[in-house]
Amino acid sequence: MIITRSAHTVSSPLKFGRLIFPSVLSGLIVGGALAFLITINASANDDGARLTDLQWLDPRSDRVKFLTEIQTEPTSYDPSKDWSLDIELGRIAFRSPTLLGGLAARRGLSCQTCHTNGRSNQQFFVAGLSSSPGTVDTTTALFSRVLGDGEFNPIKIPSLQDITETAPYGHDSREPSLAQFTHTVIESEFAGEKPCARIFGALMVYLSALRTDADIATLTQLDLSRDLTNLHRTARVLSTTLRQQDKETSLFVIAAMHNQLRRIAERFTIVQSAKPKAVLVGWSHQLKAVREAIDQAAYQEANLLFLSWQQKVEEEAVQLGEFEQVSLYAPDHLREFIAAYENR
């Protein structure tokens, strides 16, 4: 969600890195665990080993730090004290590549990619899309022919804190409301499908919760515990939408959960033991069964399957923890992984 534009305009070809990324939409929504299995079967010695976020980071930046630490969200919202379904669902949408659709979804790009925890990602850089770290060309035909202008004109990626107070929106200040501007970003800038009213409304609630006056800028570790906590938060939302028999929202949330599992799996691709793979594949297959039950509107079955999935995750999470220090969650192994990639 980009607000301002620079005047810099030159021609430039697009160049992505050599990392290969599976299709989020076909693998996670249509094919269930397909993209997940592609990820978990990759080894660190071939081009299949991947970290999605690595493709968006300036190679001159401290990528290890970026991938192992993150500033907390600038919001006073505390899910342990005052849980909000709208904020949680909006938070999921903000981090879900499915929201943007098209190439963005296939590459694993979400709102979170450019606006990390609601802030500006100053390390974002893709040759051909960026003129310098923290910039991106939002009118490239790469993501959408609707807004593609044939020019290389990157803009600074802004923070989204206090976004509800910065109207009008867009590089030409054409959009009077945040809601309309966000629709334009999703449906024109990225050529995504129009979100259902519930998901879009939740995204608006989440964005309004990103506040400068609530920003304490505390660093937290990007470790397995944090990823499992986020998976648990998403699962709580799914439990609610299943009880409400909300098919569209439930399927969206399950797609987000598959994406979360895939990103966890990426961190274990260098582990030699088969145990992490077996655990994660089991979680993904059982989640696929929940999705299939929802597809058939068999909500009682879906609820039972999901309760079983939650119990399975709770029981088996410790098995993943046993391998965290030899995975790409460990800074030293991550540093070696990045160095090996660059030397190919």
Protein backbone atom coordinates (compact mmCIF):
# COMPACT_ATOMS: atom_id res chain seq x y z
CA MET A 1 0.00 0.00 0.00
CA ILE A 2 2.03 2.86 -1.37
CA ILE A 3 1.28 6.51 -0.71
CA THR A 4 3.91 8.80 -2.23
CA ARG A 5 5.82 8.91 -5.51
CA SER A 6 9.20 10.29 -6.48
CA ALA A 7 9.82 12.10 -9.76
CA HIS A 8 12.65 9.79 -10.88
CA THR A 9 11.83 8.21 -14.26
CA VAL A 10 14.21 6.08 -16.36
CA SER A 11 14.00 2.85 -18.31
CA SER A 12 15.17 -0.34 -16.62
CA PRO A 13 14.75 -4.08 -17.12
CA LEU A 14 13.50 -6.29 -14.30
CA LYS A 15 15.87 -8.79 -12.73
CA PHE A 16 14.88 -11.24 -10.06
CA GLY A 17 17.34 -13.38 -8.16
CA ARG A 18 17.92 -17.05 -8.89
CA LEU A 19 15.77 -18.37 -6.09
CA ILE A 20 12.82 -20.42 -7.33
CA PHE A 21 9.48 -20.00 -5.57
CA PRO A 22 6.34 -22.18 -5.80
CA SER A 23 2.90 -20.87 -6.68
CA VAL A 24 1.05 -19.96 -3.53
CA LEU A 25 -2.35 -20.03 -5.18
CA SER A 26 -2.04 -23.33 -7.03
CA GLY A 27 -0.03 -25.03 -4.32
CA LEU A 28 -1.86 -23.90 -1.23
CA ILE A 29 -5.44 -23.32 -2.34
CA VAL A 30 -6.01 -25.62 -5.31
CA GLY A 31 -3.43 -28.30 -4.66
CA GLY A 32 -3.45 -28.19 -0.89
CA ALA A 33 0.04 -29.17 0.22
CA LEU A 34 1.78 -29.13 -3.19
CA ALA A 35 3.87 -25.97 -2.74
CA PHE A 36 4.50 -26.95 0.86
CA LEU A 37 5.92 -30.31 -0.24
CA ILE A 38 8.09 -28.62 -2.88
CA THR A 39 9.56 -26.47 -0.12
CA ILE A 40 10.14 -29.18 2.47
CA ASN A 41 11.75 -31.54 -0.06
CA ALA A 42 14.31 -28.93 -1.12
CA SER A 43 17.92 -29.30 -0.03
CA ALA A 44 20.42 -26.60 0.77
CA ASN A 45 22.68 -27.82 -2.03
CA ASP A 46 20.42 -26.96 -4.98
CA ASP A 47 18.32 -24.09 -6.27
CA GLY A 48 15.26 -25.54 -4.58
CA ALA A 49 16.37 -24.42 -1.11
CA ARG A 50 14.69 -21.11 -0.50
CA LEU A 51 13.75 -18.36 1.88
CA THR A 52 10.92 -16.31 0.45
CA ASP A 53 11.94 -13.03 2.10
CA LEU A 54 15.50 -13.27 0.79
CA GLN A 55 14.38 -12.34 -2.73
CA TRP A 56 13.19 -8.92 -1.58
CA LEU A 57 16.24 -7.86 0.44
CA ASP A 58 19.08 -5.57 -0.59
CA PRO A 59 22.18 -7.80 -0.83
CA ARG A 60 24.23 -5.01 0.77
CA SER A 61 22.05 -5.00 3.88
CA ASP A 62 22.35 -7.12 7.01
CA ARG A 63 19.99 -9.83 5.81
CA VAL A 64 20.74 -12.14 8.72
CA LYS A 65 19.59 -9.47 11.17
CA PHE A 66 16.45 -8.77 9.09
CA LEU A 67 15.56 -12.48 9.01
CA THR A 68 16.18 -13.10 12.71
CA GLU A 69 14.88 -9.91 14.38
CA ILE A 70 11.82 -7.73 13.91
CA GLN A 71 10.34 -4.67 15.56
CA THR A 72 7.04 -5.26 17.31
CA GLU A 73 3.85 -3.95 15.73
CA PRO A 74 3.08 -0.29 16.50
CA THR A 75 -0.26 -0.93 18.13
CA SER A 76 -1.70 -0.95 21.64
CA TYR A 77 -3.73 -4.05 20.78
CA ASP A 78 -2.92 -7.02 23.02
CA PRO A 79 -4.56 -10.30 21.92
CA SER A 80 -3.98 -11.87 25.33
CA LYS A 81 -6.10 -9.18 27.03
CA ASP A 82 -8.69 -7.97 24.51
CA TRP A 83 -8.87 -10.40 21.59
CA SER A 84 -10.46 -8.95 18.45
CA LEU A 85 -11.60 -11.13 15.56
CA ASP A 86 -11.51 -8.15 13.17
CA ILE A 87 -7.93 -7.16 14.06
CA GLU A 88 -6.74 -10.76 13.93
CA LEU A 89 -8.39 -11.43 10.57
CA GLY A 90 -7.06 -8.13 9.20
CA ARG A 91 -3.60 -9.04 10.47
CA ILE A 92 -3.86 -12.35 8.59
CA ALA A 93 -4.94 -10.60 5.39
CA PHE A 94 -2.05 -8.13 5.71
CA ARG A 95 0.40 -11.05 5.77
CA SER A 96 -1.31 -13.22 3.18
CA PRO A 97 0.00 -13.28 -0.42
CA THR A 98 -3.42 -14.61 -1.43
CA LEU A 99 -4.91 -11.16 -0.84
CA LEU A 100 -2.87 -9.63 -3.67
CA GLY A 101 -3.19 -12.54 -6.09
CA GLY A 102 -1.37 -13.03 -9.39
CA LEU A 103 2.41 -12.90 -9.54
CA ALA A 104 2.59 -11.30 -6.10
CA ALA A 105 0.93 -14.36 -4.60
CA ARG A 106 3.13 -16.74 -6.56
CA ARG A 107 6.23 -14.92 -5.35
CA GLY A 108 5.04 -14.81 -1.74
CA LEU A 109 4.59 -11.02 -1.70
CA SER A 110 2.15 -9.54 0.80
CA CYS A 111 1.48 -6.15 2.38
CA GLN A 112 3.86 -7.29 5.12
CA THR A 113 6.73 -7.58 2.60
CA CYS A 114 6.95 -3.84 1.94
CA HIS A 115 5.38 -2.63 5.19
CA THR A 116 6.99 -4.91 7.77
CA ASN A 117 4.73 -4.93 10.85
CA GLY A 118 3.20 -1.71 9.51
CA ARG A 119 6.53 0.06 9.09
CA SER A 120 8.49 0.86 5.94
CA ASN A 121 10.80 -1.96 4.86
CA GLN A 122 13.96 0.04 4.22
CA GLN A 123 15.82 -3.09 3.10
CA PHE A 124 13.39 -3.95 0.30
CA PHE A 125 15.23 -4.04 -2.99
CA VAL A 126 14.63 -5.77 -6.34
CA ALA A 127 16.73 -4.74 -9.34
CA GLY A 128 14.37 -3.35 -11.93
CA LEU A 129 11.73 -2.46 -9.35
CA SER A 130 13.84 -0.41 -6.93
CA SER A 131 16.13 2.58 -7.50
CA SER A 132 17.53 2.27 -3.99
CA PRO A 133 16.71 0.23 -0.86
CA GLY A 134 13.24 1.04 0.46
CA THR A 135 11.76 1.96 -2.93
CA VAL A 136 9.55 0.13 -5.42
CA ASP A 137 7.94 0.84 -8.78
CA THR A 138 4.20 0.34 -8.21
CA THR A 139 3.23 1.04 -11.81
CA THR A 140 5.10 -1.83 -13.40
CA ALA A 141 3.24 -4.16 -15.75
CA LEU A 142 4.98 -7.03 -13.97
CA PHE A 143 2.21 -7.15 -11.36
CA SER A 144 -0.64 -5.58 -13.32
CA ARG A 145 -1.25 -4.39 -16.87
CA VAL A 146 -3.94 -2.08 -15.52
CA LEU A 147 -1.49 0.38 -13.99
CA GLY A 148 1.63 -0.52 -15.97
CA ASP A 149 2.99 2.71 -17.52
CA GLY A 150 6.14 1.38 -19.21
CA GLU A 151 8.38 3.61 -17.11
CA PHE A 152 10.77 3.00 -14.24
CA ASN A 153 9.55 5.33 -11.52
CA PRO A 154 10.05 3.89 -8.03
CA ILE A 155 8.57 5.55 -4.95
CA LYS A 156 9.58 5.43 -1.32
CA ILE A 157 7.85 2.75 0.70
CA PRO A 158 6.06 4.57 3.54
CA SER A 159 5.18 3.52 7.03
CA LEU A 160 1.48 2.78 7.51
CA GLN A 161 1.33 4.17 11.03
CA ASP A 162 -1.53 6.67 11.36
CA ILE A 163 -2.56 5.80 7.79
CA THR A 164 -6.19 6.71 8.49
CA GLU A 165 -5.12 10.33 9.03
CA THR A 166 -3.15 10.90 5.83
CA ALA A 167 -5.91 11.37 3.20
CA PRO A 168 -6.01 11.89 0.28
CA TYR A 169 -4.17 8.82 -1.01
CA GLY A 170 -2.14 7.83 -4.05
CA HIS A 171 0.83 9.43 -5.79
CA ASP A 172 -1.51 11.97 -7.35
CA SER A 173 -3.77 12.31 -4.27
CA ARG A 174 -6.67 11.07 -6.37
CA GLU A 175 -8.16 8.66 -3.85
CA PRO A 176 -10.21 10.41 -1.13
CA SER A 177 -10.63 7.40 1.16
CA LEU A 178 -8.30 4.72 2.50
CA ALA A 179 -10.85 2.03 1.60
CA GLN A 180 -11.02 3.07 -2.04
CA PHE A 181 -7.26 3.41 -2.28
CA THR A 182 -6.76 -0.05 -0.79
CA HIS A 183 -9.20 -1.53 -3.31
CA THR A 184 -7.13 0.15 -6.06
CA VAL A 185 -3.90 -1.31 -4.70
CA ILE A 186 -5.28 -4.86 -4.49
CA GLU A 187 -7.38 -4.93 -7.64
CA SER A 188 -5.44 -2.63 -10.00
CA GLU A 189 -1.87 -2.38 -8.74
CA PHE A 190 -1.62 -6.14 -8.16
CA ALA A 191 -4.58 -7.39 -10.25
CA GLY A 192 -5.98 -9.33 -7.30
CA GLU A 193 -9.58 -10.38 -6.82
CA LYS A 194 -11.90 -8.05 -4.92
CA PRO A 195 -11.79 -9.24 -1.30
CA CYS A 196 -15.05 -10.24 0.35
CA ALA A 197 -16.55 -7.55 2.58
CA ARG A 198 -15.61 -9.31 5.81
CA ILE A 199 -11.93 -9.76 4.99
CA PHE A 200 -11.61 -6.27 3.53
CA GLY A 201 -13.36 -4.71 6.51
CA ALA A 202 -11.03 -6.55 8.88
CA LEU A 203 -8.01 -5.29 6.96
CA MET A 204 -9.26 -1.72 7.42
CA VAL A 205 -9.62 -2.31 11.17
CA TYR A 206 -6.07 -3.68 11.38
CA LEU A 207 -4.63 -0.74 9.44
CA SER A 208 -6.41 1.72 11.72
CA ALA A 209 -4.76 0.04 14.72
CA LEU A 210 -1.23 0.89 13.48
CA ARG A 211 -0.46 3.99 15.51
CA THR A 212 2.62 6.13 16.07
CA ASP A 213 1.55 6.86 19.65
CA ALA A 214 1.58 3.11 20.38
CA ASP A 215 5.02 2.50 18.88
CA ILE A 216 7.54 1.25 21.44
CA ALA A 217 9.82 -0.21 18.72
CA THR A 218 10.91 -3.24 20.73
CA LEU A 219 12.96 -5.88 18.92
CA THR A 220 11.73 -9.46 19.06
CA GLN A 221 13.32 -12.64 17.74
CA LEU A 222 12.08 -14.24 14.52
CA ASP A 223 12.32 -17.75 15.88
CA LEU A 224 10.26 -20.92 15.80
CA SER A 225 8.34 -19.94 18.93
CA ARG A 226 7.17 -16.73 17.28
CA ASP A 227 6.13 -18.51 14.08
CA LEU A 228 4.19 -21.11 16.05
CA THR A 229 2.53 -18.36 18.08
CA ASN A 230 1.41 -16.70 14.85
CA LEU A 231 0.13 -20.05 13.59
CA HIS A 232 -1.84 -20.44 16.83
CA ARG A 233 -3.32 -16.94 16.43
CA THR A 234 -4.44 -17.79 12.90
CA ALA A 235 -5.88 -21.10 14.10
CA ARG A 236 -8.01 -19.28 16.67
CA VAL A 237 -9.53 -17.20 13.88
CA LEU A 238 -10.27 -20.34 11.87
CA SER A 239 -11.95 -21.93 14.89
CA THR A 240 -14.29 -18.92 15.03
CA THR A 241 -15.11 -18.79 11.31
CA LEU A 242 -15.74 -22.55 11.27
CA ARG A 243 -18.26 -22.21 14.11
CA GLN A 244 -19.90 -19.41 12.12
CA GLN A 245 -19.91 -21.63 9.00
CA ASP A 246 -18.29 -18.83 7.01
CA LYS A 247 -16.91 -20.78 4.07
CA GLU A 248 -15.19 -17.97 2.17
CA THR A 249 -13.36 -16.56 5.17
CA SER A 250 -12.42 -20.03 6.44
CA LEU A 251 -10.85 -20.99 3.12
CA PHE A 252 -8.92 -17.72 3.05
CA VAL A 253 -7.61 -18.35 6.56
CA ILE A 254 -6.62 -21.93 5.73
CA ALA A 255 -4.65 -20.64 2.72
CA ALA A 256 -2.87 -18.26 5.09
CA MET A 257 -2.08 -21.15 7.45
CA HIS A 258 -0.60 -23.18 4.60
CA ASN A 259 1.57 -20.18 3.79
CA GLN A 260 2.69 -20.00 7.41
CA LEU A 261 3.56 -23.70 7.38
CA ARG A 262 5.49 -23.29 4.14
CA ARG A 263 7.55 -20.47 5.63
CA ILE A 264 8.33 -22.60 8.70
CA ALA A 265 9.30 -25.45 6.37
CA GLU A 266 11.72 -23.16 4.52
CA ARG A 267 13.72 -22.80 7.72
CA PHE A 268 14.19 -26.58 8.00
CA THR A 269 15.29 -27.35 4.43
CA ILE A 270 18.94 -27.66 5.53
CA VAL A 271 18.19 -30.11 8.36
CA GLN A 272 19.37 -33.62 7.53
CA SER A 273 16.96 -35.46 9.83
CA ALA A 274 13.64 -36.57 8.32
CA LYS A 275 11.73 -35.73 11.50
CA PRO A 276 10.93 -32.03 10.85
CA LYS A 277 9.76 -32.88 7.35
CA ALA A 278 7.52 -35.67 8.64
CA VAL A 279 5.99 -33.42 11.28
CA LEU A 280 5.29 -30.52 8.92
CA VAL A 281 3.98 -32.71 6.10
CA GLY A 282 1.60 -34.33 8.58
CA TRP A 283 0.29 -30.94 9.70
CA SER A 284 -0.17 -29.81 6.11
CA HIS A 285 -2.01 -32.96 5.02
CA GLN A 286 -4.40 -32.79 7.95
CA LEU A 287 -5.08 -29.11 7.29
CA LYS A 288 -5.84 -30.03 3.68
CA ALA A 289 -8.47 -32.48 4.97
CA VAL A 290 -10.08 -29.63 6.93
CA ARG A 291 -10.22 -27.55 3.76
CA GLU A 292 -11.81 -30.39 1.81
CA ALA A 293 -14.52 -30.74 4.46
CA ILE A 294 -15.22 -27.00 4.28
CA ASP A 295 -15.44 -27.22 0.49
CA GLN A 296 -18.26 -29.72 0.97
CA ALA A 297 -19.93 -27.55 3.65
CA ALA A 298 -19.39 -30.42 6.10
CA TYR A 299 -18.78 -28.09 9.03
CA GLN A 300 -19.21 -30.63 11.80
CA GLU A 301 -16.58 -32.83 10.17
CA ALA A 302 -14.35 -29.82 9.53
CA ASN A 303 -14.55 -28.79 13.19
CA LEU A 304 -13.65 -32.29 14.39
CA LEU A 305 -10.75 -32.52 11.95
CA PHE A 306 -9.50 -29.10 13.00
CA LEU A 307 -9.66 -29.95 16.69
CA SER A 308 -7.57 -33.03 15.89
CA TRP A 309 -5.14 -30.85 13.93
CA GLN A 310 -4.74 -28.46 16.85
CA GLN A 311 -4.02 -31.32 19.23
CA LYS A 312 -1.51 -32.78 16.79
CA VAL A 313 0.33 -29.46 16.48
CA GLU A 314 0.41 -29.00 20.25
CA GLU A 315 1.84 -32.48 20.77
CA GLU A 316 4.40 -32.42 17.99
CA ALA A 317 5.71 -28.83 18.12
CA VAL A 318 8.44 -29.87 20.55
CA GLN A 319 9.85 -32.19 17.88
CA LEU A 320 10.53 -29.21 15.64
CA GLY A 321 12.13 -27.36 18.53
CA GLU A 322 14.73 -30.10 18.81
CA PHE A 323 16.13 -29.05 15.43
CA GLU A 324 15.80 -25.27 15.63
CA GLN A 325 19.49 -24.69 16.38
CA VAL A 326 20.56 -26.58 13.24
CA SER A 327 17.98 -24.89 11.03
CA LEU A 328 17.81 -21.54 9.26
CA TYR A 329 16.34 -20.02 12.41
CA ALA A 330 19.92 -20.09 13.77
CA PRO A 331 21.86 -16.95 12.69
CA ASP A 332 25.11 -18.80 11.99
CA HIS A 333 23.44 -21.36 9.73
CA LEU A 334 21.44 -18.62 8.04
CA ARG A 335 24.63 -16.65 7.37
CA GLU A 336 26.25 -19.73 5.82
CA PHE A 337 23.15 -20.37 3.72
CA ILE A 338 23.15 -16.83 2.31
CA ALA A 339 26.90 -16.98 1.58
CA ALA A 340 26.52 -20.31 -0.22
CA TYR A 341 23.66 -18.93 -2.31
CA GLU A 342 25.69 -15.89 -3.34
CA ASN A 343 28.67 -18.03 -4.35
CA ARG A 344 26.71 -20.26 -6.74
